[in-house]
Amino acid sequence: GLDYQIKNLVVDNKRFALRLWDSAGQERYRSMTKQFFRRADGVVLMYDITSECSFCDVLYWLSCIQEAAEDGVAVLLLGNKTDCAAQREVPTKEGERLAKERQLMFYECSAASGHNVFESMVSFIRLLKSREDELKNKAEEVSKAPQKKKGCCW
């Protein structure tokens, strides 16, 4: 089914709450997930390195994200199951290539062993935080811009 979790992480001495919706790519949740993209600060898009079909679905999900999310939403492309390297169907280079083409953050991990899970989330949080800081700085610059004095003649 559709799984929802809140993961609390401390990164650079600040506490962050990640709200994670996991649809496992199931067909019946496809229309619903687009609603989540609209309000997302970032999207973690995970595929199974032991399944070429799973990797092919990434393009579909990227188009959904592009269609529904705000422009420039941060995306972490995460290849899972590095603990099953003997069954690998998707070379690391393929994930890296797609991430570079689409300007995505890329990691491979193992949810089973925990390999690279924390590291990828920390990097993603730092990216989200830097984007948030950029937006705040732009907003401050706009509000500090000199305002034309409005004159009034009687």
C-alpha atoms as a PDB file:
ATOM      1  CA  GLY A   1       0.000   0.000   0.000  1.00  0.00           C
ATOM      2  CA  LEU A   2       0.863   3.646   0.358  1.00  0.00           C
ATOM      3  CA  ASP A   3       3.325   4.092   3.211  1.00  0.00           C
ATOM      4  CA  TYR A   4       3.921   7.378   5.053  1.00  0.00           C
ATOM      5  CA  GLN A   5       6.792   8.025   7.442  1.00  0.00           C
ATOM      6  CA  ILE A   6       8.415  10.983   9.100  1.00  0.00           C
ATOM      7  CA  LYS A   7      12.184  10.658   9.451  1.00  0.00           C
ATOM      8  CA  ASN A   8      13.909  13.112  11.757  1.00  0.00           C
ATOM      9  CA  LEU A   9      17.556  13.783  10.973  1.00  0.00           C
ATOM     10  CA  VAL A  10      20.072  16.184  12.456  1.00  0.00           C
ATOM     11  CA  VAL A  11      22.280  17.685   9.766  1.00  0.00           C
ATOM     12  CA  ASP A  12      24.846  20.396  10.501  1.00  0.00           C
ATOM     13  CA  ASN A  13      23.396  20.816  14.015  1.00  0.00           C
ATOM     14  CA  LYS A  14      19.880  21.466  12.702  1.00  0.00           C
ATOM     15  CA  ARG A  15      16.904  19.147  12.949  1.00  0.00           C
ATOM     16  CA  PHE A  16      15.012  18.279   9.773  1.00  0.00           C
ATOM     17  CA  ALA A  17      11.798  16.292   9.422  1.00  0.00           C
ATOM     18  CA  LEU A  18      11.502  14.405   6.154  1.00  0.00           C
ATOM     19  CA  ARG A  19       7.945  13.463   5.242  1.00  0.00           C
ATOM     20  CA  LEU A  20       8.258  10.403   3.049  1.00  0.00           C
ATOM     21  CA  TRP A  21       5.425   8.956   0.982  1.00  0.00           C
ATOM     22  CA  ASP A  22       6.246   5.551  -0.490  1.00  0.00           C
ATOM     23  CA  SER A  23       3.974   4.284  -3.258  1.00  0.00           C
ATOM     24  CA  ALA A  24       6.457   1.583  -4.343  1.00  0.00           C
ATOM     25  CA  GLY A  25       5.661   2.694  -7.909  1.00  0.00           C
ATOM     26  CA  GLN A  26       2.332   0.879  -7.801  1.00  0.00           C
ATOM     27  CA  GLU A  27      -0.046   1.641 -10.657  1.00  0.00           C
ATOM     28  CA  ARG A  28      -3.040   2.349  -8.418  1.00  0.00           C
ATOM     29  CA  TYR A  29      -1.255   5.268  -6.714  1.00  0.00           C
ATOM     30  CA  ARG A  30       0.037   6.980  -9.841  1.00  0.00           C
ATOM     31  CA  SER A  31      -2.681   9.640 -10.023  1.00  0.00           C
ATOM     32  CA  MET A  32      -2.447  10.312  -6.299  1.00  0.00           C
ATOM     33  CA  THR A  33       1.312  10.787  -6.239  1.00  0.00           C
ATOM     34  CA  LYS A  34       1.076  13.736  -8.622  1.00  0.00           C
ATOM     35  CA  GLN A  35      -0.736  15.628  -5.851  1.00  0.00           C
ATOM     36  CA  PHE A  36       2.216  15.065  -3.520  1.00  0.00           C
ATOM     37  CA  PHE A  37       4.663  16.416  -6.103  1.00  0.00           C
ATOM     38  CA  ARG A  38       2.804  19.751  -6.168  1.00  0.00           C
ATOM     39  CA  ARG A  39       3.703  20.498  -2.554  1.00  0.00           C
ATOM     40  CA  ALA A  40       7.093  18.779  -2.413  1.00  0.00           C
ATOM     41  CA  ASP A  41      10.345  20.572  -1.683  1.00  0.00           C
ATOM     42  CA  GLY A  42      12.154  17.536  -3.050  1.00  0.00           C
ATOM     43  CA  VAL A  43      11.501  14.088  -4.447  1.00  0.00           C
ATOM     44  CA  VAL A  44      13.416  10.879  -3.764  1.00  0.00           C
ATOM     45  CA  LEU A  45      13.022   8.672  -6.818  1.00  0.00           C
ATOM     46  CA  MET A  46      14.205   5.148  -6.093  1.00  0.00           C
ATOM     47  CA  TYR A  47      14.722   2.290  -8.524  1.00  0.00           C
ATOM     48  CA  ASP A  48      15.898  -1.292  -8.129  1.00  0.00           C
ATOM     49  CA  ILE A  49      19.375  -1.910  -9.618  1.00  0.00           C
ATOM     50  CA  THR A  50      18.410  -5.575 -10.121  1.00  0.00           C
ATOM     51  CA  SER A  51      15.501  -4.618 -12.409  1.00  0.00           C
ATOM     52  CA  GLU A  52      15.914  -2.935 -15.797  1.00  0.00           C
ATOM     53  CA  CYS A  53      12.117  -2.384 -15.821  1.00  0.00           C
ATOM     54  CA  SER A  54      12.358  -0.455 -12.571  1.00  0.00           C
ATOM     55  CA  PHE A  55      14.983   1.835 -14.098  1.00  0.00           C
ATOM     56  CA  CYS A  56      12.848   2.345 -17.225  1.00  0.00           C
ATOM     57  CA  ASP A  57       9.991   3.537 -14.989  1.00  0.00           C
ATOM     58  CA  VAL A  58      12.221   6.367 -13.756  1.00  0.00           C
ATOM     59  CA  LEU A  59      11.575   8.281 -16.998  1.00  0.00           C
ATOM     60  CA  TYR A  60       7.815   8.041 -16.432  1.00  0.00           C
ATOM     61  CA  TRP A  61       8.178   9.333 -12.874  1.00  0.00           C
ATOM     62  CA  LEU A  62      10.467  12.156 -13.966  1.00  0.00           C
ATOM     63  CA  SER A  63       7.812  13.287 -16.458  1.00  0.00           C
ATOM     64  CA  CYS A  64       5.192  13.216 -13.665  1.00  0.00           C
ATOM     65  CA  ILE A  65       7.464  15.279 -11.438  1.00  0.00           C
ATOM     66  CA  GLN A  66       8.112  17.761 -14.244  1.00  0.00           C
ATOM     67  CA  GLU A  67       4.384  18.038 -14.941  1.00  0.00           C
ATOM     68  CA  ALA A  68       3.174  18.382 -11.351  1.00  0.00           C
ATOM     69  CA  ALA A  69       5.981  19.835  -9.219  1.00  0.00           C
ATOM     70  CA  GLU A  70       7.297  23.364  -9.115  1.00  0.00           C
ATOM     71  CA  ASP A  71      10.037  24.198 -11.597  1.00  0.00           C
ATOM     72  CA  GLY A  72      13.452  23.169 -10.406  1.00  0.00           C
ATOM     73  CA  VAL A  73      12.265  20.868  -7.616  1.00  0.00           C
ATOM     74  CA  ALA A  74      15.219  18.911  -6.222  1.00  0.00           C
ATOM     75  CA  VAL A  75      15.277  15.220  -7.138  1.00  0.00           C
ATOM     76  CA  LEU A  76      17.433  12.508  -5.604  1.00  0.00           C
ATOM     77  CA  LEU A  77      17.765   9.501  -7.912  1.00  0.00           C
ATOM     78  CA  LEU A  78      18.512   6.523  -5.710  1.00  0.00           C
ATOM     79  CA  GLY A  79      19.524   3.108  -7.040  1.00  0.00           C
ATOM     80  CA  ASN A  80      18.610   0.548  -4.367  1.00  0.00           C
ATOM     81  CA  LYS A  81      19.748  -3.022  -3.589  1.00  0.00           C
ATOM     82  CA  THR A  82      23.518  -2.653  -3.858  1.00  0.00           C
ATOM     83  CA  ASP A  83      23.602  -5.651  -1.520  1.00  0.00           C
ATOM     84  CA  CYS A  84      22.348  -7.734  -4.497  1.00  0.00           C
ATOM     85  CA  ALA A  85      25.234  -6.833  -6.817  1.00  0.00           C
ATOM     86  CA  ALA A  86      25.318 -10.317  -8.384  1.00  0.00           C
ATOM     87  CA  GLN A  87      21.811  -9.735  -9.778  1.00  0.00           C
ATOM     88  CA  ARG A  88      22.547  -6.189 -10.988  1.00  0.00           C
ATOM     89  CA  GLU A  89      20.816  -5.300 -14.283  1.00  0.00           C
ATOM     90  CA  VAL A  90      21.344  -1.524 -14.193  1.00  0.00           C
ATOM     91  CA  PRO A  91      24.999  -0.407 -14.315  1.00  0.00           C
ATOM     92  CA  THR A  92      25.964   2.453 -12.015  1.00  0.00           C
ATOM     93  CA  LYS A  93      27.039   4.426 -15.104  1.00  0.00           C
ATOM     94  CA  GLU A  94      23.428   4.387 -16.383  1.00  0.00           C
ATOM     95  CA  GLY A  95      22.144   5.998 -13.198  1.00  0.00           C
ATOM     96  CA  GLU A  96      24.980   8.521 -13.250  1.00  0.00           C
ATOM     97  CA  ARG A  97      24.307   9.356 -16.910  1.00  0.00           C
ATOM     98  CA  LEU A  98      20.591   9.935 -16.357  1.00  0.00           C
ATOM     99  CA  ALA A  99      21.251  12.022 -13.254  1.00  0.00           C
ATOM    100  CA  LYS A 100      23.754  14.190 -15.121  1.00  0.00           C
ATOM    101  CA  GLU A 101      21.386  14.667 -18.099  1.00  0.00           C
ATOM    102  CA  ARG A 102      18.464  15.647 -15.869  1.00  0.00           C
ATOM    103  CA  GLN A 103      20.464  17.537 -13.216  1.00  0.00           C
ATOM    104  CA  LEU A 104      19.540  15.129 -10.433  1.00  0.00           C
ATOM    105  CA  MET A 105      21.474  14.150  -7.346  1.00  0.00           C
ATOM    106  CA  PHE A 106      22.515  10.481  -7.618  1.00  0.00           C
ATOM    107  CA  TYR A 107      23.436   7.775  -5.140  1.00  0.00           C
ATOM    108  CA  GLU A 108      23.268   4.019  -4.942  1.00  0.00           C
ATOM    109  CA  CYS A 109      22.360   2.402  -1.648  1.00  0.00           C
ATOM    110  CA  SER A 110      21.034  -0.661   0.099  1.00  0.00           C
ATOM    111  CA  ALA A 111      17.915  -0.221   2.199  1.00  0.00           C
ATOM    112  CA  ALA A 112      18.530  -3.752   3.531  1.00  0.00           C
ATOM    113  CA  SER A 113      22.096  -3.186   4.787  1.00  0.00           C
ATOM    114  CA  GLY A 114      21.826   0.586   5.295  1.00  0.00           C
ATOM    115  CA  HIS A 115      24.775   1.248   2.962  1.00  0.00           C
ATOM    116  CA  ASN A 116      24.713   4.888   1.746  1.00  0.00           C
ATOM    117  CA  VAL A 117      21.158   5.514   3.008  1.00  0.00           C
ATOM    118  CA  PHE A 118      22.100   8.089   5.652  1.00  0.00           C
ATOM    119  CA  GLU A 119      24.787   9.669   3.459  1.00  0.00           C
ATOM    120  CA  SER A 120      22.397  10.161   0.543  1.00  0.00           C
ATOM    121  CA  MET A 121      19.717  11.702   2.776  1.00  0.00           C
ATOM    122  CA  VAL A 122      22.225  14.071   4.410  1.00  0.00           C
ATOM    123  CA  SER A 123      23.444  15.259   0.990  1.00  0.00           C
ATOM    124  CA  PHE A 124      19.862  15.705  -0.186  1.00  0.00           C
ATOM    125  CA  ILE A 125      18.911  17.684   2.930  1.00  0.00           C
ATOM    126  CA  ARG A 126      21.926  19.949   2.397  1.00  0.00           C
ATOM    127  CA  LEU A 127      20.822  20.537  -1.196  1.00  0.00           C
ATOM    128  CA  LEU A 128      17.260  21.349  -0.097  1.00  0.00           C
ATOM    129  CA  LYS A 129      18.562  23.684   2.612  1.00  0.00           C
ATOM    130  CA  SER A 130      20.840  25.546   0.184  1.00  0.00           C
ATOM    131  CA  ARG A 131      17.936  26.015  -2.242  1.00  0.00           C
ATOM    132  CA  GLU A 132      15.731  27.295   0.570  1.00  0.00           C
ATOM    133  CA  ASP A 133      18.464  29.734   1.630  1.00  0.00           C
ATOM    134  CA  GLU A 134      18.785  30.988  -1.970  1.00  0.00           C
ATOM    135  CA  LEU A 135      15.032  31.649  -2.122  1.00  0.00           C
ATOM    136  CA  LYS A 136      15.120  33.521   1.205  1.00  0.00           C
ATOM    137  CA  ASN A 137      18.044  35.656   0.004  1.00  0.00           C
ATOM    138  CA  LYS A 138      16.227  36.516  -3.228  1.00  0.00           C
ATOM    139  CA  ALA A 139      13.100  37.461  -1.276  1.00  0.00           C
ATOM    140  CA  GLU A 140      15.152  39.689   1.034  1.00  0.00           C
ATOM    141  CA  GLU A 141      16.841  41.375  -1.951  1.00  0.00           C
ATOM    142  CA  VAL A 142      13.458  42.160  -3.488  1.00  0.00           C
ATOM    143  CA  SER A 143      12.110  43.579  -0.229  1.00  0.00           C
ATOM    144  CA  LYS A 144      15.277  45.686   0.281  1.00  0.00           C
ATOM    145  CA  ALA A 145      15.170  47.138  -3.230  1.00  0.00           C
ATOM    146  CA  PRO A 146      14.741  50.909  -3.083  1.00  0.00           C
ATOM    147  CA  GLN A 147      11.135  51.891  -3.462  1.00  0.00           C
ATOM    148  CA  LYS A 148      10.214  54.865  -5.601  1.00  0.00           C
ATOM    149  CA  LYS A 149       8.788  57.588  -3.496  1.00  0.00           C
ATOM    150  CA  LYS A 150       5.243  58.277  -4.368  1.00  0.00           C
ATOM    151  CA  GLY A 151       4.569  61.944  -4.555  1.00  0.00           C
ATOM    152  CA  CYS A 152       1.268  63.586  -4.100  1.00  0.00           C
ATOM    153  CA  CYS A 153       0.409  67.013  -5.343  1.00  0.00           C
ATOM    154  CA  TRP A 154      -2.630  68.984  -4.168  1.00  0.00           C
END
